[in-house]
PDB file of all heavy atoms in Angstrom:
ATOM      1  N   LEU A   1       2.146 -10.920  13.249  1.00  0.00           N
ATOM      2  CA  LEU A   1       0.885 -10.282  13.585  1.00  0.00           C
ATOM      3  C   LEU A   1       1.162  -8.916  14.177  1.00  0.00           C
ATOM      4  O   LEU A   1       2.135  -8.748  14.917  1.00  0.00           O
ATOM      5  CB  LEU A   1       0.123 -11.132  14.608  1.00  0.00           C
ATOM      6  CG  LEU A   1      -0.394 -12.469  14.107  1.00  0.00           C
ATOM      7  CD1 LEU A   1      -0.910 -13.299  15.273  1.00  0.00           C
ATOM      8  CD2 LEU A   1      -1.488 -12.264  13.072  1.00  0.00           C
ATOM      9  N   GLY A   2       0.317  -7.949  13.847  1.00  0.00           N
ATOM     10  CA  GLY A   2       0.508  -6.630  14.423  1.00  0.00           C
ATOM     11  C   GLY A   2      -0.382  -5.599  13.773  1.00  0.00           C
ATOM     12  O   GLY A   2      -1.325  -5.919  13.045  1.00  0.00           O
ATOM     13  N   TYR A   3      -0.068  -4.352  14.049  1.00  0.00           N
ATOM     14  CA  TYR A   3      -0.837  -3.212  13.566  1.00  0.00           C
ATOM     15  C   TYR A   3      -0.070  -2.497  12.461  1.00  0.00           C
ATOM     16  O   TYR A   3       1.151  -2.425  12.501  1.00  0.00           O
ATOM     17  CB  TYR A   3      -1.113  -2.241  14.715  1.00  0.00           C
ATOM     18  CG  TYR A   3      -1.998  -2.843  15.769  1.00  0.00           C
ATOM     19  CD1 TYR A   3      -1.462  -3.525  16.851  1.00  0.00           C
ATOM     20  CD2 TYR A   3      -3.383  -2.747  15.668  1.00  0.00           C
ATOM     21  CE1 TYR A   3      -2.277  -4.101  17.816  1.00  0.00           C
ATOM     22  CE2 TYR A   3      -4.210  -3.305  16.624  1.00  0.00           C
ATOM     23  CZ  TYR A   3      -3.646  -3.980  17.697  1.00  0.00           C
ATOM     24  OH  TYR A   3      -4.461  -4.543  18.639  1.00  0.00           O
ATOM     25  N   PHE A   4      -0.804  -1.964  11.485  1.00  0.00           N
ATOM     26  CA  PHE A   4      -0.185  -1.192  10.411  1.00  0.00           C
ATOM     27  C   PHE A   4      -1.158  -0.108   9.959  1.00  0.00           C
ATOM     28  O   PHE A   4      -2.366  -0.222  10.151  1.00  0.00           O
ATOM     29  CB  PHE A   4       0.281  -2.069   9.244  1.00  0.00           C
ATOM     30  CG  PHE A   4      -0.649  -3.180   8.849  1.00  0.00           C
ATOM     31  CD1 PHE A   4      -1.554  -3.009   7.819  1.00  0.00           C
ATOM     32  CD2 PHE A   4      -0.609  -4.406   9.495  1.00  0.00           C
ATOM     33  CE1 PHE A   4      -2.405  -4.033   7.439  1.00  0.00           C
ATOM     34  CE2 PHE A   4      -1.458  -5.440   9.124  1.00  0.00           C
ATOM     35  CZ  PHE A   4      -2.363  -5.256   8.093  1.00  0.00           C
ATOM     36  N   SER A   5      -0.592   0.941   9.381  1.00  0.00           N
ATOM     37  CA  SER A   5      -1.366   2.123   9.024  1.00  0.00           C
ATOM     38  C   SER A   5      -1.807   2.087   7.566  1.00  0.00           C
ATOM     39  O   SER A   5      -0.974   1.992   6.654  1.00  0.00           O
ATOM     40  CB  SER A   5      -0.521   3.372   9.275  1.00  0.00           C
ATOM     41  OG  SER A   5      -1.110   4.501   8.679  1.00  0.00           O
ATOM     42  N   LEU A   6      -3.092   2.213   7.357  1.00  0.00           N
ATOM     43  CA  LEU A   6      -3.644   2.293   6.014  1.00  0.00           C
ATOM     44  C   LEU A   6      -3.130   3.539   5.288  1.00  0.00           C
ATOM     45  O   LEU A   6      -2.749   3.477   4.124  1.00  0.00           O
ATOM     46  CB  LEU A   6      -5.175   2.317   6.084  1.00  0.00           C
ATOM     47  CG  LEU A   6      -5.936   2.366   4.769  1.00  0.00           C
ATOM     48  CD1 LEU A   6      -5.663   1.113   3.937  1.00  0.00           C
ATOM     49  CD2 LEU A   6      -7.419   2.525   5.032  1.00  0.00           C
ATOM     50  N   CYS A   7      -3.068   4.664   6.002  1.00  0.00           N
ATOM     51  CA  CYS A   7      -2.575   5.916   5.393  1.00  0.00           C
ATOM     52  C   CYS A   7      -1.126   5.789   4.943  1.00  0.00           C
ATOM     53  O   CYS A   7      -0.759   6.263   3.868  1.00  0.00           O
ATOM     54  CB  CYS A   7      -2.720   7.071   6.376  1.00  0.00           C
ATOM     55  SG  CYS A   7      -4.434   7.536   6.674  1.00  0.00           S
ATOM     56  N   GLU A   8      -0.293   5.155   5.768  1.00  0.00           N
ATOM     57  CA  GLU A   8       1.111   4.976   5.383  1.00  0.00           C
ATOM     58  C   GLU A   8       1.231   4.085   4.155  1.00  0.00           C
ATOM     59  O   GLU A   8       2.021   4.366   3.253  1.00  0.00           O
ATOM     60  CB  GLU A   8       1.911   4.392   6.539  1.00  0.00           C
ATOM     61  CG  GLU A   8       2.191   5.379   7.643  1.00  0.00           C
ATOM     62  CD  GLU A   8       3.029   4.793   8.763  1.00  0.00           C
ATOM     63  OE1 GLU A   8       3.689   3.746   8.551  1.00  0.00           O
ATOM     64  OE2 GLU A   8       3.023   5.378   9.852  1.00  0.00           O
ATOM     65  N   LEU A   9       0.451   3.013   4.107  1.00  0.00           N
ATOM     66  CA  LEU A   9       0.505   2.130   2.939  1.00  0.00           C
ATOM     67  C   LEU A   9       0.010   2.859   1.693  1.00  0.00           C
ATOM     68  O   LEU A   9       0.568   2.683   0.608  1.00  0.00           O
ATOM     69  CB  LEU A   9      -0.319   0.869   3.182  1.00  0.00           C
ATOM     70  CG  LEU A   9       0.227  -0.081   4.246  1.00  0.00           C
ATOM     71  CD1 LEU A   9      -0.738  -1.245   4.469  1.00  0.00           C
ATOM     72  CD2 LEU A   9       1.604  -0.595   3.875  1.00  0.00           C
ATOM     73  N   ALA A  10      -1.006   3.685   1.841  1.00  0.00           N
ATOM     74  CA  ALA A  10      -1.545   4.427   0.692  1.00  0.00           C
ATOM     75  C   ALA A  10      -0.545   5.448   0.166  1.00  0.00           C
ATOM     76  O   ALA A  10      -0.587   5.795  -1.021  1.00  0.00           O
ATOM     77  CB  ALA A  10      -2.850   5.117   1.081  1.00  0.00           C
ATOM     78  N   ARG A  11       0.364   5.921   1.016  1.00  0.00           N
ATOM     79  CA  ARG A  11       1.355   6.923   0.584  1.00  0.00           C
ATOM     80  C   ARG A  11       2.606   6.304  -0.050  1.00  0.00           C
ATOM     81  O   ARG A  11       3.432   7.037  -0.600  1.00  0.00           O
ATOM     82  CB  ARG A  11       1.783   7.775   1.781  1.00  0.00           C
ATOM     83  CG  ARG A  11       0.738   8.800   2.180  1.00  0.00           C
ATOM     84  CD  ARG A  11       1.312   9.845   3.107  1.00  0.00           C
ATOM     85  NE  ARG A  11       1.834   9.290   4.343  1.00  0.00           N
ATOM     86  CZ  ARG A  11       1.179   9.277   5.510  1.00  0.00           C
ATOM     87  NH1 ARG A  11      -0.020   9.786   5.602  1.00  0.00           N
ATOM     88  NH2 ARG A  11       1.738   8.761   6.579  1.00  0.00           N
ATOM     89  N   VAL A  12       2.758   5.000   0.012  1.00  0.00           N
ATOM     90  CA  VAL A  12       3.954   4.357  -0.551  1.00  0.00           C
ATOM     91  C   VAL A  12       3.982   4.581  -2.064  1.00  0.00           C
ATOM     92  O   VAL A  12       2.994   4.335  -2.759  1.00  0.00           O
ATOM     93  CB  VAL A  12       3.966   2.842  -0.232  1.00  0.00           C
ATOM     94  CG1 VAL A  12       5.061   2.124  -1.010  1.00  0.00           C
ATOM     95  CG2 VAL A  12       4.121   2.616   1.266  1.00  0.00           C
ATOM     96  N   ARG A  13       5.123   5.043  -2.558  1.00  0.00           N
ATOM     97  CA  ARG A  13       5.320   5.229  -3.996  1.00  0.00           C
ATOM     98  C   ARG A  13       6.386   4.249  -4.460  1.00  0.00           C
ATOM     99  O   ARG A  13       7.499   4.219  -3.939  1.00  0.00           O
ATOM    100  CB  ARG A  13       5.757   6.664  -4.321  1.00  0.00           C
ATOM    101  CG  ARG A  13       4.671   7.670  -4.067  1.00  0.00           C
ATOM    102  CD  ARG A  13       3.459   7.433  -4.998  1.00  0.00           C
ATOM    103  NE  ARG A  13       2.250   7.978  -4.422  1.00  0.00           N
ATOM    104  CZ  ARG A  13       1.172   7.272  -4.066  1.00  0.00           C
ATOM    105  NH1 ARG A  13       1.133   5.978  -4.233  1.00  0.00           N
ATOM    106  NH2 ARG A  13       0.114   7.845  -3.547  1.00  0.00           N
ATOM    107  N   LEU A  14       6.037   3.465  -5.435  1.00  0.00           N
ATOM    108  CA  LEU A  14       6.891   2.404  -5.953  1.00  0.00           C
ATOM    109  C   LEU A  14       7.371   2.770  -7.355  1.00  0.00           C
ATOM    110  O   LEU A  14       6.860   3.712  -7.956  1.00  0.00           O
ATOM    111  CB  LEU A  14       6.106   1.093  -5.983  1.00  0.00           C
ATOM    112  CG  LEU A  14       5.583   0.619  -4.626  1.00  0.00           C
ATOM    113  CD1 LEU A  14       4.547  -0.480  -4.804  1.00  0.00           C
ATOM    114  CD2 LEU A  14       6.726   0.138  -3.752  1.00  0.00           C
ATOM    115  N   PRO A  15       8.310   2.000  -7.899  1.00  0.00           N
ATOM    116  CA  PRO A  15       8.746   2.256  -9.278  1.00  0.00           C
ATOM    117  C   PRO A  15       7.568   2.225 -10.261  1.00  0.00           C
ATOM    118  O   PRO A  15       6.542   1.592 -10.012  1.00  0.00           O
ATOM    119  CB  PRO A  15       9.711   1.097  -9.563  1.00  0.00           C
ATOM    120  CG  PRO A  15      10.196   0.673  -8.218  1.00  0.00           C
ATOM    121  CD  PRO A  15       9.052   0.907  -7.277  1.00  0.00           C
ATOM    122  N   PHE A  16       7.744   2.904 -11.376  1.00  0.00           N
ATOM    123  CA  PHE A  16       6.779   2.946 -12.470  1.00  0.00           C
ATOM    124  C   PHE A  16       5.469   3.632 -12.072  1.00  0.00           C
ATOM    125  O   PHE A  16       4.429   3.398 -12.681  1.00  0.00           O
ATOM    126  CB  PHE A  16       6.484   1.540 -13.011  1.00  0.00           C
ATOM    127  CG  PHE A  16       7.711   0.727 -13.266  1.00  0.00           C
ATOM    128  CD1 PHE A  16       8.007  -0.381 -12.484  1.00  0.00           C
ATOM    129  CD2 PHE A  16       8.605   1.077 -14.276  1.00  0.00           C
ATOM    130  CE1 PHE A  16       9.153  -1.125 -12.702  1.00  0.00           C
ATOM    131  CE2 PHE A  16       9.740   0.335 -14.499  1.00  0.00           C
ATOM    132  CZ  PHE A  16      10.022  -0.769 -13.717  1.00  0.00           C
ATOM    133  N   GLY A  17       5.505   4.443 -11.016  1.00  0.00           N
ATOM    134  CA  GLY A  17       4.319   5.167 -10.572  1.00  0.00           C
ATOM    135  C   GLY A  17       3.294   4.315  -9.845  1.00  0.00           C
ATOM    136  O   GLY A  17       2.154   4.731  -9.671  1.00  0.00           O
ATOM    137  N   LEU A  18       3.697   3.136  -9.442  1.00  0.00           N
ATOM    138  CA  LEU A  18       2.772   2.224  -8.761  1.00  0.00           C
ATOM    139  C   LEU A  18       2.705   2.511  -7.270  1.00  0.00           C
ATOM    140  O   LEU A  18       3.564   3.180  -6.714  1.00  0.00           O
ATOM    141  CB  LEU A  18       3.202   0.769  -8.989  1.00  0.00           C
ATOM    142  CG  LEU A  18       3.191   0.291 -10.438  1.00  0.00           C
ATOM    143  CD1 LEU A  18       3.836  -1.076 -10.554  1.00  0.00           C
ATOM    144  CD2 LEU A  18       1.769   0.259 -10.961  1.00  0.00           C
ATOM    145  N   GLY A  19       1.685   1.949  -6.642  1.00  0.00           N
ATOM    146  CA  GLY A  19       1.528   2.020  -5.194  1.00  0.00           C
ATOM    147  C   GLY A  19       1.065   0.678  -4.668  1.00  0.00           C
ATOM    148  O   GLY A  19       0.892  -0.284  -5.430  1.00  0.00           O
ATOM    149  N   ILE A  20       0.842   0.599  -3.381  1.00  0.00           N
ATOM    150  CA  ILE A  20       0.307  -0.617  -2.778  1.00  0.00           C
ATOM    151  C   ILE A  20      -1.091  -0.841  -3.347  1.00  0.00           C
ATOM    152  O   ILE A  20      -1.852   0.103  -3.542  1.00  0.00           O
ATOM    153  CB  ILE A  20       0.261  -0.489  -1.237  1.00  0.00           C
ATOM    154  CG1 ILE A  20       1.660  -0.244  -0.673  1.00  0.00           C
ATOM    155  CG2 ILE A  20      -0.396  -1.711  -0.610  1.00  0.00           C
ATOM    156  CD1 ILE A  20       2.676  -1.322  -0.992  1.00  0.00           C
ATOM    157  N   GLU A  21      -1.424  -2.096  -3.621  1.00  0.00           N
ATOM    158  CA  GLU A  21      -2.707  -2.421  -4.234  1.00  0.00           C
ATOM    159  C   GLU A  21      -3.506  -3.377  -3.366  1.00  0.00           C
ATOM    160  O   GLU A  21      -2.953  -4.078  -2.527  1.00  0.00           O
ATOM    161  CB  GLU A  21      -2.491  -3.048  -5.613  1.00  0.00           C
ATOM    162  CG  GLU A  21      -1.858  -2.097  -6.601  1.00  0.00           C
ATOM    163  CD  GLU A  21      -1.760  -2.674  -7.999  1.00  0.00           C
ATOM    164  OE1 GLU A  21      -2.430  -3.687  -8.289  1.00  0.00           O
ATOM    165  OE2 GLU A  21      -1.018  -2.104  -8.807  1.00  0.00           O
ATOM    166  N   ARG A  22      -4.810  -3.409  -3.630  1.00  0.00           N
ATOM    167  CA  ARG A  22      -5.712  -4.347  -2.963  1.00  0.00           C
ATOM    168  C   ARG A  22      -5.972  -5.508  -3.910  1.00  0.00           C
ATOM    169  O   ARG A  22      -6.214  -5.312  -5.102  1.00  0.00           O
ATOM    170  CB  ARG A  22      -7.028  -3.647  -2.628  1.00  0.00           C
ATOM    171  CG  ARG A  22      -8.099  -4.576  -2.071  1.00  0.00           C
ATOM    172  CD  ARG A  22      -9.336  -3.813  -1.609  1.00  0.00           C
ATOM    173  NE  ARG A  22      -9.774  -2.766  -2.498  1.00  0.00           N
ATOM    174  CZ  ARG A  22     -10.676  -2.926  -3.466  1.00  0.00           C
ATOM    175  NH1 ARG A  22     -11.218  -4.093  -3.691  1.00  0.00           N
ATOM    176  NH2 ARG A  22     -11.020  -1.904  -4.228  1.00  0.00           N
ATOM    177  N   ASP A  23      -5.923  -6.720  -3.367  1.00  0.00           N
ATOM    178  CA  ASP A  23      -6.263  -7.905  -4.147  1.00  0.00           C
ATOM    179  C   ASP A  23      -7.786  -7.992  -4.189  1.00  0.00           C
ATOM    180  O   ASP A  23      -8.419  -8.395  -3.207  1.00  0.00           O
ATOM    181  CB  ASP A  23      -5.661  -9.150  -3.501  1.00  0.00           C
ATOM    182  CG  ASP A  23      -5.923 -10.426  -4.277  1.00  0.00           C
ATOM    183  OD1 ASP A  23      -6.839 -10.449  -5.120  1.00  0.00           O
ATOM    184  OD2 ASP A  23      -5.224 -11.418  -4.014  1.00  0.00           O
ATOM    185  N   ILE A  24      -8.374  -7.592  -5.315  1.00  0.00           N
ATOM    186  CA  ILE A  24      -9.830  -7.508  -5.398  1.00  0.00           C
ATOM    187  C   ILE A  24     -10.494  -8.886  -5.408  1.00  0.00           C
ATOM    188  O   ILE A  24     -11.689  -8.993  -5.140  1.00  0.00           O
ATOM    189  CB  ILE A  24     -10.293  -6.679  -6.615  1.00  0.00           C
ATOM    190  CG1 ILE A  24      -9.795  -7.301  -7.921  1.00  0.00           C
ATOM    191  CG2 ILE A  24      -9.838  -5.241  -6.491  1.00  0.00           C
ATOM    192  CD1 ILE A  24     -10.359  -6.640  -9.163  1.00  0.00           C
ATOM    193  N   GLY A  25      -9.752  -9.930  -5.696  1.00  0.00           N
ATOM    194  CA  GLY A  25     -10.316 -11.278  -5.719  1.00  0.00           C
ATOM    195  C   GLY A  25     -10.079 -12.063  -4.445  1.00  0.00           C
ATOM    196  O   GLY A  25     -10.455 -13.226  -4.350  1.00  0.00           O
TER     197      GLY A  25
END
């Protein structure tokens, strides 16, 4: 449990041009 930054997660760049995603379901 803890705190995390939405901006930092949004800036993450992953392989294949992907980023962190939201589980819409």
